[in-house]
Amino acid sequence: HDVIAATVLYKHEKAKNWKEVRMNPLDN
């Protein structure tokens, strides 16, 4: 029953670093 978190990492092919956006929980 622990609290979990998730994120999406994304980057352009010429970028060095990933950008990040937090995911939101839905049903199930």
PDB file of all heavy atoms in Angstrom:
ATOM      1  N   HIS A   1       0.812  -1.217   0.000  1.00  0.00           N
ATOM      2  CA  HIS A   1       0.000   0.000   0.000  1.00  0.00           C
ATOM      3  C   HIS A   1       0.844   1.265   0.000  1.00  0.00           C
ATOM      4  O   HIS A   1       0.349   2.340   0.330  1.00  0.00           O
ATOM      5  CB  HIS A   1      -0.926  -0.005   1.223  1.00  0.00           C
ATOM      6  CG  HIS A   1      -1.826  -1.201   1.297  1.00  0.00           C
ATOM      7  ND1 HIS A   1      -2.915  -1.368   0.474  1.00  0.00           N
ATOM      8  CD2 HIS A   1      -1.760  -2.322   2.079  1.00  0.00           C
ATOM      9  CE1 HIS A   1      -3.504  -2.521   0.748  1.00  0.00           C
ATOM     10  NE2 HIS A   1      -2.826  -3.125   1.719  1.00  0.00           N
ATOM     11  N   ASP A   2       2.110   1.150  -0.343  1.00  0.00           N
ATOM     12  CA  ASP A   2       2.981   2.324  -0.348  1.00  0.00           C
ATOM     13  C   ASP A   2       2.564   3.314  -1.430  1.00  0.00           C
ATOM     14  O   ASP A   2       2.007   2.934  -2.473  1.00  0.00           O
ATOM     15  CB  ASP A   2       4.436   1.918  -0.571  1.00  0.00           C
ATOM     16  CG  ASP A   2       5.048   1.255   0.653  1.00  0.00           C
ATOM     17  OD1 ASP A   2       4.479   1.431   1.749  1.00  0.00           O
ATOM     18  OD2 ASP A   2       6.075   0.569   0.513  1.00  0.00           O
ATOM     19  N   VAL A   3       2.875   4.580  -1.176  1.00  0.00           N
ATOM     20  CA  VAL A   3       2.621   5.619  -2.168  1.00  0.00           C
ATOM     21  C   VAL A   3       3.658   5.502  -3.284  1.00  0.00           C
ATOM     22  O   VAL A   3       4.861   5.417  -3.015  1.00  0.00           O
ATOM     23  CB  VAL A   3       2.683   7.016  -1.531  1.00  0.00           C
ATOM     24  CG1 VAL A   3       2.557   8.100  -2.600  1.00  0.00           C
ATOM     25  CG2 VAL A   3       1.589   7.175  -0.480  1.00  0.00           C
ATOM     26  N   ILE A   4       3.192   5.460  -4.511  1.00  0.00           N
ATOM     27  CA  ILE A   4       4.116   5.406  -5.642  1.00  0.00           C
ATOM     28  C   ILE A   4       3.954   6.669  -6.486  1.00  0.00           C
ATOM     29  O   ILE A   4       2.970   7.389  -6.367  1.00  0.00           O
ATOM     30  CB  ILE A   4       3.908   4.144  -6.506  1.00  0.00           C
ATOM     31  CG1 ILE A   4       2.503   4.141  -7.142  1.00  0.00           C
ATOM     32  CG2 ILE A   4       4.155   2.891  -5.695  1.00  0.00           C
ATOM     33  CD1 ILE A   4       2.280   2.980  -8.110  1.00  0.00           C
ATOM     34  N   ALA A   5       4.928   6.912  -7.324  1.00  0.00           N
ATOM     35  CA  ALA A   5       4.894   8.066  -8.228  1.00  0.00           C
ATOM     36  C   ALA A   5       5.436   7.630  -9.576  1.00  0.00           C
ATOM     37  O   ALA A   5       6.161   6.637  -9.697  1.00  0.00           O
ATOM     38  CB  ALA A   5       5.704   9.223  -7.660  1.00  0.00           C
ATOM     39  N   ALA A   6       5.069   8.378 -10.602  1.00  0.00           N
ATOM     40  CA  ALA A   6       5.529   8.066 -11.958  1.00  0.00           C
ATOM     41  C   ALA A   6       5.716   9.355 -12.735  1.00  0.00           C
ATOM     42  O   ALA A   6       5.077  10.373 -12.453  1.00  0.00           O
ATOM     43  CB  ALA A   6       4.529   7.153 -12.669  1.00  0.00           C
ATOM     44  N   THR A   7       6.587   9.291 -13.691  1.00  0.00           N
ATOM     45  CA  THR A   7       6.883  10.457 -14.511  1.00  0.00           C
ATOM     46  C   THR A   7       7.170  10.004 -15.931  1.00  0.00           C
ATOM     47  O   THR A   7       7.488   8.831 -16.172  1.00  0.00           O
ATOM     48  CB  THR A   7       8.105  11.212 -13.927  1.00  0.00           C
ATOM     49  OG1 THR A   7       8.247  12.459 -14.567  1.00  0.00           O
ATOM     50  CG2 THR A   7       9.373  10.419 -14.105  1.00  0.00           C
ATOM     51  N   VAL A   8       7.031  10.914 -16.866  1.00  0.00           N
ATOM     52  CA  VAL A   8       7.467  10.658 -18.237  1.00  0.00           C
ATOM     53  C   VAL A   8       8.689  11.509 -18.509  1.00  0.00           C
ATOM     54  O   VAL A   8       8.683  12.722 -18.284  1.00  0.00           O
ATOM     55  CB  VAL A   8       6.350  10.986 -19.258  1.00  0.00           C
ATOM     56  CG1 VAL A   8       6.910  11.014 -20.673  1.00  0.00           C
ATOM     57  CG2 VAL A   8       5.228   9.967 -19.167  1.00  0.00           C
ATOM     58  N   LEU A   9       9.751  10.866 -18.961  1.00  0.00           N
ATOM     59  CA  LEU A   9      10.951  11.566 -19.402  1.00  0.00           C
ATOM     60  C   LEU A   9      10.924  11.624 -20.926  1.00  0.00           C
ATOM     61  O   LEU A   9      10.581  10.637 -21.586  1.00  0.00           O
ATOM     62  CB  LEU A   9      12.210  10.832 -18.928  1.00  0.00           C
ATOM     63  CG  LEU A   9      12.400  10.685 -17.417  1.00  0.00           C
ATOM     64  CD1 LEU A   9      13.692   9.931 -17.127  1.00  0.00           C
ATOM     65  CD2 LEU A   9      12.419  12.029 -16.735  1.00  0.00           C
ATOM     66  N   TYR A  10      11.300  12.755 -21.475  1.00  0.00           N
ATOM     67  CA  TYR A  10      11.313  12.898 -22.926  1.00  0.00           C
ATOM     68  C   TYR A  10      12.414  13.866 -23.338  1.00  0.00           C
ATOM     69  O   TYR A  10      12.802  14.748 -22.571  1.00  0.00           O
ATOM     70  CB  TYR A  10       9.956  13.380 -23.446  1.00  0.00           C
ATOM     71  CG  TYR A  10       9.585  14.792 -23.059  1.00  0.00           C
ATOM     72  CD1 TYR A  10       9.775  15.858 -23.947  1.00  0.00           C
ATOM     73  CD2 TYR A  10       9.042  15.083 -21.806  1.00  0.00           C
ATOM     74  CE1 TYR A  10       9.434  17.157 -23.597  1.00  0.00           C
ATOM     75  CE2 TYR A  10       8.700  16.375 -21.446  1.00  0.00           C
ATOM     76  CZ  TYR A  10       8.899  17.405 -22.350  1.00  0.00           C
ATOM     77  OH  TYR A  10       8.565  18.689 -22.005  1.00  0.00           O
ATOM     78  N   LYS A  11      12.921  13.681 -24.539  1.00  0.00           N
ATOM     79  CA  LYS A  11      13.931  14.604 -25.054  1.00  0.00           C
ATOM     80  C   LYS A  11      14.008  14.502 -26.565  1.00  0.00           C
ATOM     81  O   LYS A  11      13.745  13.455 -27.163  1.00  0.00           O
ATOM     82  CB  LYS A  11      15.298  14.332 -24.437  1.00  0.00           C
ATOM     83  CG  LYS A  11      15.954  13.026 -24.844  1.00  0.00           C
ATOM     84  CD  LYS A  11      17.378  12.934 -24.271  1.00  0.00           C
ATOM     85  CE  LYS A  11      18.050  11.630 -24.698  1.00  0.00           C
ATOM     86  NZ  LYS A  11      19.449  11.542 -24.208  1.00  0.00           N
ATOM     87  N   HIS A  12      14.390  15.624 -27.188  1.00  0.00           N
ATOM     88  CA  HIS A  12      14.638  15.653 -28.625  1.00  0.00           C
ATOM     89  C   HIS A  12      15.940  14.923 -28.918  1.00  0.00           C
ATOM     90  O   HIS A  12      16.842  14.855 -28.070  1.00  0.00           O
ATOM     91  CB  HIS A  12      14.717  17.105 -29.109  1.00  0.00           C
ATOM     92  CG  HIS A  12      14.785  17.249 -30.594  1.00  0.00           C
ATOM     93  ND1 HIS A  12      15.987  17.335 -31.275  1.00  0.00           N
ATOM     94  CD2 HIS A  12      13.807  17.306 -31.537  1.00  0.00           C
ATOM     95  CE1 HIS A  12      15.739  17.455 -32.573  1.00  0.00           C
ATOM     96  NE2 HIS A  12      14.428  17.437 -32.761  1.00  0.00           N
ATOM     97  N   GLU A  13      16.052  14.383 -30.114  1.00  0.00           N
ATOM     98  CA  GLU A  13      17.233  13.589 -30.462  1.00  0.00           C
ATOM     99  C   GLU A  13      18.539  14.370 -30.353  1.00  0.00           C
ATOM    100  O   GLU A  13      19.609  13.790 -30.141  1.00  0.00           O
ATOM    101  CB  GLU A  13      17.089  13.024 -31.875  1.00  0.00           C
ATOM    102  CG  GLU A  13      16.913  14.080 -32.961  1.00  0.00           C
ATOM    103  CD  GLU A  13      16.643  13.469 -34.331  1.00  0.00           C
ATOM    104  OE1 GLU A  13      17.105  12.346 -34.593  1.00  0.00           O
ATOM    105  OE2 GLU A  13      15.975  14.122 -35.152  1.00  0.00           O
ATOM    106  N   LYS A  14      18.477  15.707 -30.470  1.00  0.00           N
ATOM    107  CA  LYS A  14      19.691  16.515 -30.381  1.00  0.00           C
ATOM    108  C   LYS A  14      19.916  17.102 -28.991  1.00  0.00           C
ATOM    109  O   LYS A  14      20.902  17.804 -28.773  1.00  0.00           O
ATOM    110  CB  LYS A  14      19.642  17.633 -31.422  1.00  0.00           C
ATOM    111  CG  LYS A  14      19.668  17.120 -32.860  1.00  0.00           C
ATOM    112  CD  LYS A  14      19.685  18.260 -33.872  1.00  0.00           C
ATOM    113  CE  LYS A  14      19.722  17.724 -35.307  1.00  0.00           C
ATOM    114  NZ  LYS A  14      19.695  18.817 -36.302  1.00  0.00           N
ATOM    115  N   ALA A  15      19.008  16.834 -28.073  1.00  0.00           N
ATOM    116  CA  ALA A  15      19.140  17.363 -26.714  1.00  0.00           C
ATOM    117  C   ALA A  15      20.010  16.438 -25.868  1.00  0.00           C
ATOM    118  O   ALA A  15      20.028  15.219 -26.066  1.00  0.00           O
ATOM    119  CB  ALA A  15      17.773  17.528 -26.074  1.00  0.00           C
ATOM    120  N   LYS A  16      20.732  17.008 -24.908  1.00  0.00           N
ATOM    121  CA  LYS A  16      21.584  16.216 -24.012  1.00  0.00           C
ATOM    122  C   LYS A  16      20.808  15.708 -22.807  1.00  0.00           C
ATOM    123  O   LYS A  16      21.082  14.620 -22.312  1.00  0.00           O
ATOM    124  CB  LYS A  16      22.776  17.055 -23.553  1.00  0.00           C
ATOM    125  CG  LYS A  16      23.757  17.413 -24.660  1.00  0.00           C
ATOM    126  CD  LYS A  16      24.939  18.205 -24.112  1.00  0.00           C
ATOM    127  CE  LYS A  16      25.928  18.545 -25.218  1.00  0.00           C
ATOM    128  NZ  LYS A  16      27.092  19.323 -24.695  1.00  0.00           N
ATOM    129  N   ASN A  17      19.882  16.513 -22.326  1.00  0.00           N
ATOM    130  CA  ASN A  17      19.206  16.187 -21.078  1.00  0.00           C
ATOM    131  C   ASN A  17      17.727  15.878 -21.299  1.00  0.00           C
ATOM    132  O   ASN A  17      17.087  16.423 -22.196  1.00  0.00           O
ATOM    133  CB  ASN A  17      19.323  17.358 -20.094  1.00  0.00           C
ATOM    134  CG  ASN A  17      20.777  17.688 -19.771  1.00  0.00           C
ATOM    135  OD1 ASN A  17      21.591  16.792 -19.564  1.00  0.00           O
ATOM    136  ND2 ASN A  17      21.091  18.969 -19.731  1.00  0.00           N
ATOM    137  N   TRP A  18      17.209  15.021 -20.447  1.00  0.00           N
ATOM    138  CA  TRP A  18      15.803  14.676 -20.477  1.00  0.00           C
ATOM    139  C   TRP A  18      14.985  15.779 -19.821  1.00  0.00           C
ATOM    140  O   TRP A  18      15.410  16.394 -18.843  1.00  0.00           O
ATOM    141  CB  TRP A  18      15.546  13.377 -19.707  1.00  0.00           C
ATOM    142  CG  TRP A  18      16.125  12.152 -20.337  1.00  0.00           C
ATOM    143  CD1 TRP A  18      17.362  11.632 -20.128  1.00  0.00           C
ATOM    144  CD2 TRP A  18      15.481  11.281 -21.274  1.00  0.00           C
ATOM    145  NE1 TRP A  18      17.536  10.487 -20.869  1.00  0.00           N
ATOM    146  CE2 TRP A  18      16.389  10.250 -21.582  1.00  0.00           C
ATOM    147  CE3 TRP A  18      14.221  11.267 -21.875  1.00  0.00           C
ATOM    148  CZ2 TRP A  18      16.085   9.228 -22.464  1.00  0.00           C
ATOM    149  CZ3 TRP A  18      13.917  10.243 -22.750  1.00  0.00           C
ATOM    150  CH2 TRP A  18      14.831   9.235 -23.043  1.00  0.00           C
ATOM    151  N   LYS A  19      13.797  16.018 -20.351  1.00  0.00           N
ATOM    152  CA  LYS A  19      12.803  16.820 -19.658  1.00  0.00           C
ATOM    153  C   LYS A  19      11.844  15.856 -18.961  1.00  0.00           C
ATOM    154  O   LYS A  19      11.721  14.693 -19.345  1.00  0.00           O
ATOM    155  CB  LYS A  19      12.044  17.720 -20.629  1.00  0.00           C
ATOM    156  CG  LYS A  19      12.904  18.806 -21.252  1.00  0.00           C
ATOM    157  CD  LYS A  19      12.078  19.715 -22.163  1.00  0.00           C
ATOM    158  CE  LYS A  19      12.921  20.837 -22.743  1.00  0.00           C
ATOM    159  NZ  LYS A  19      12.124  21.738 -23.623  1.00  0.00           N
ATOM    160  N   GLU A  20      11.168  16.360 -17.938  1.00  0.00           N
ATOM    161  CA  GLU A  20      10.351  15.474 -17.114  1.00  0.00           C
ATOM    162  C   GLU A  20       8.990  16.092 -16.842  1.00  0.00           C
ATOM    163  O   GLU A  20       8.874  17.289 -16.587  1.00  0.00           O
ATOM    164  CB  GLU A  20      11.078  15.221 -15.792  1.00  0.00           C
ATOM    165  CG  GLU A  20      10.412  14.243 -14.869  1.00  0.00           C
ATOM    166  CD  GLU A  20      11.272  13.921 -13.659  1.00  0.00           C
ATOM    167  OE1 GLU A  20      12.309  14.587 -13.464  1.00  0.00           O
ATOM    168  OE2 GLU A  20      10.897  12.998 -12.913  1.00  0.00           O
ATOM    169  N   VAL A  21       7.948  15.275 -16.886  1.00  0.00           N
ATOM    170  CA  VAL A  21       6.605  15.727 -16.539  1.00  0.00           C
ATOM    171  C   VAL A  21       5.947  14.642 -15.695  1.00  0.00           C
ATOM    172  O   VAL A  21       5.980  13.459 -16.031  1.00  0.00           O
ATOM    173  CB  VAL A  21       5.781  16.060 -17.808  1.00  0.00           C
ATOM    174  CG1 VAL A  21       5.684  14.881 -18.741  1.00  0.00           C
ATOM    175  CG2 VAL A  21       4.409  16.575 -17.428  1.00  0.00           C
ATOM    176  N   ARG A  22       5.400  15.050 -14.580  1.00  0.00           N
ATOM    177  CA  ARG A  22       4.824  14.115 -13.618  1.00  0.00           C
ATOM    178  C   ARG A  22       3.542  13.497 -14.167  1.00  0.00           C
ATOM    179  O   ARG A  22       2.726  14.170 -14.814  1.00  0.00           O
ATOM    180  CB  ARG A  22       4.517  14.869 -12.326  1.00  0.00           C
ATOM    181  CG  ARG A  22       4.300  13.998 -11.107  1.00  0.00           C
ATOM    182  CD  ARG A  22       5.598  13.661 -10.429  1.00  0.00           C
ATOM    183  NE  ARG A  22       5.361  13.039  -9.128  1.00  0.00           N
ATOM    184  CZ  ARG A  22       6.245  13.048  -8.150  1.00  0.00           C
ATOM    185  NH1 ARG A  22       7.410  13.652  -8.305  1.00  0.00           N
ATOM    186  NH2 ARG A  22       5.980  12.453  -7.001  1.00  0.00           N
ATOM    187  N   MET A  23       3.355  12.216 -13.894  1.00  0.00           N
ATOM    188  CA  MET A  23       2.131  11.537 -14.307  1.00  0.00           C
ATOM    189  C   MET A  23       1.084  11.651 -13.201  1.00  0.00           C
ATOM    190  O   MET A  23       1.413  11.772 -12.011  1.00  0.00           O
ATOM    191  CB  MET A  23       2.396  10.064 -14.628  1.00  0.00           C
ATOM    192  CG  MET A  23       3.384   9.847 -15.758  1.00  0.00           C
ATOM    193  SD  MET A  23       3.499   8.120 -16.283  1.00  0.00           S
ATOM    194  CE  MET A  23       2.060   7.980 -17.354  1.00  0.00           C
ATOM    195  N   ASN A  24      -0.171  11.590 -13.610  1.00  0.00           N
ATOM    196  CA  ASN A  24      -1.283  11.678 -12.670  1.00  0.00           C
ATOM    197  C   ASN A  24      -2.017  10.343 -12.603  1.00  0.00           C
ATOM    198  O   ASN A  24      -2.286   9.722 -13.636  1.00  0.00           O
ATOM    199  CB  ASN A  24      -2.258  12.771 -13.110  1.00  0.00           C
ATOM    200  CG  ASN A  24      -1.584  14.119 -13.196  1.00  0.00           C
ATOM    201  OD1 ASN A  24      -0.971  14.571 -12.243  1.00  0.00           O
ATOM    202  ND2 ASN A  24      -1.687  14.766 -14.353  1.00  0.00           N
ATOM    203  N   PRO A  25      -2.354   9.896 -11.389  1.00  0.00           N
ATOM    204  CA  PRO A  25      -3.056   8.605 -11.270  1.00  0.00           C
ATOM    205  C   PRO A  25      -4.503   8.711 -11.722  1.00  0.00           C
ATOM    206  O   PRO A  25      -5.197   9.685 -11.428  1.00  0.00           O
ATOM    207  CB  PRO A  25      -2.962   8.298  -9.772  1.00  0.00           C
ATOM    208  CG  PRO A  25      -2.826   9.640  -9.115  1.00  0.00           C
ATOM    209  CD  PRO A  25      -2.069  10.502 -10.084  1.00  0.00           C
ATOM    210  N   LEU A  26      -4.960   7.688 -12.446  1.00  0.00           N
ATOM    211  CA  LEU A  26      -6.350   7.579 -12.860  1.00  0.00           C
ATOM    212  C   LEU A  26      -6.949   6.350 -12.175  1.00  0.00           C
ATOM    213  O   LEU A  26      -6.485   5.959 -11.105  1.00  0.00           O
ATOM    214  CB  LEU A  26      -6.425   7.473 -14.391  1.00  0.00           C
ATOM    215  CG  LEU A  26      -5.740   8.604 -15.177  1.00  0.00           C
ATOM    216  CD1 LEU A  26      -5.786   8.311 -16.669  1.00  0.00           C
ATOM    217  CD2 LEU A  26      -6.370   9.952 -14.870  1.00  0.00           C
ATOM    218  N   ASP A  27      -7.921   5.746 -12.762  1.00  0.00           N
ATOM    219  CA  ASP A  27      -8.537   4.564 -12.161  1.00  0.00           C
ATOM    220  C   ASP A  27      -7.710   3.313 -12.423  1.00  0.00           C
ATOM    221  O   ASP A  27      -7.008   3.194 -13.436  1.00  0.00           O
ATOM    222  CB  ASP A  27      -9.949   4.360 -12.736  1.00  0.00           C
ATOM    223  CG  ASP A  27     -10.895   5.475 -12.330  1.00  0.00           C
ATOM    224  OD1 ASP A  27     -10.653   6.096 -11.274  1.00  0.00           O
ATOM    225  OD2 ASP A  27     -11.869   5.728 -13.073  1.00  0.00           O
ATOM    226  N   ASN A  28      -7.795   2.379 -11.484  1.00  0.00           N
ATOM    227  CA  ASN A  28      -7.267   1.024 -11.682  1.00  0.00           C
ATOM    228  C   ASN A  28      -5.788   1.008 -12.047  1.00  0.00           C
ATOM    229  O   ASN A  28      -5.359   0.340 -12.989  1.00  0.00           O
ATOM    230  CB  ASN A  28      -8.083   0.296 -12.758  1.00  0.00           C
ATOM    231  CG  ASN A  28      -7.822  -1.194 -12.768  1.00  0.00           C
ATOM    232  OD1 ASN A  28      -7.408  -1.778 -11.763  1.00  0.00           O
ATOM    233  ND2 ASN A  28      -8.057  -1.818 -13.913  1.00  0.00           N
TER     234      ASN A  28
END
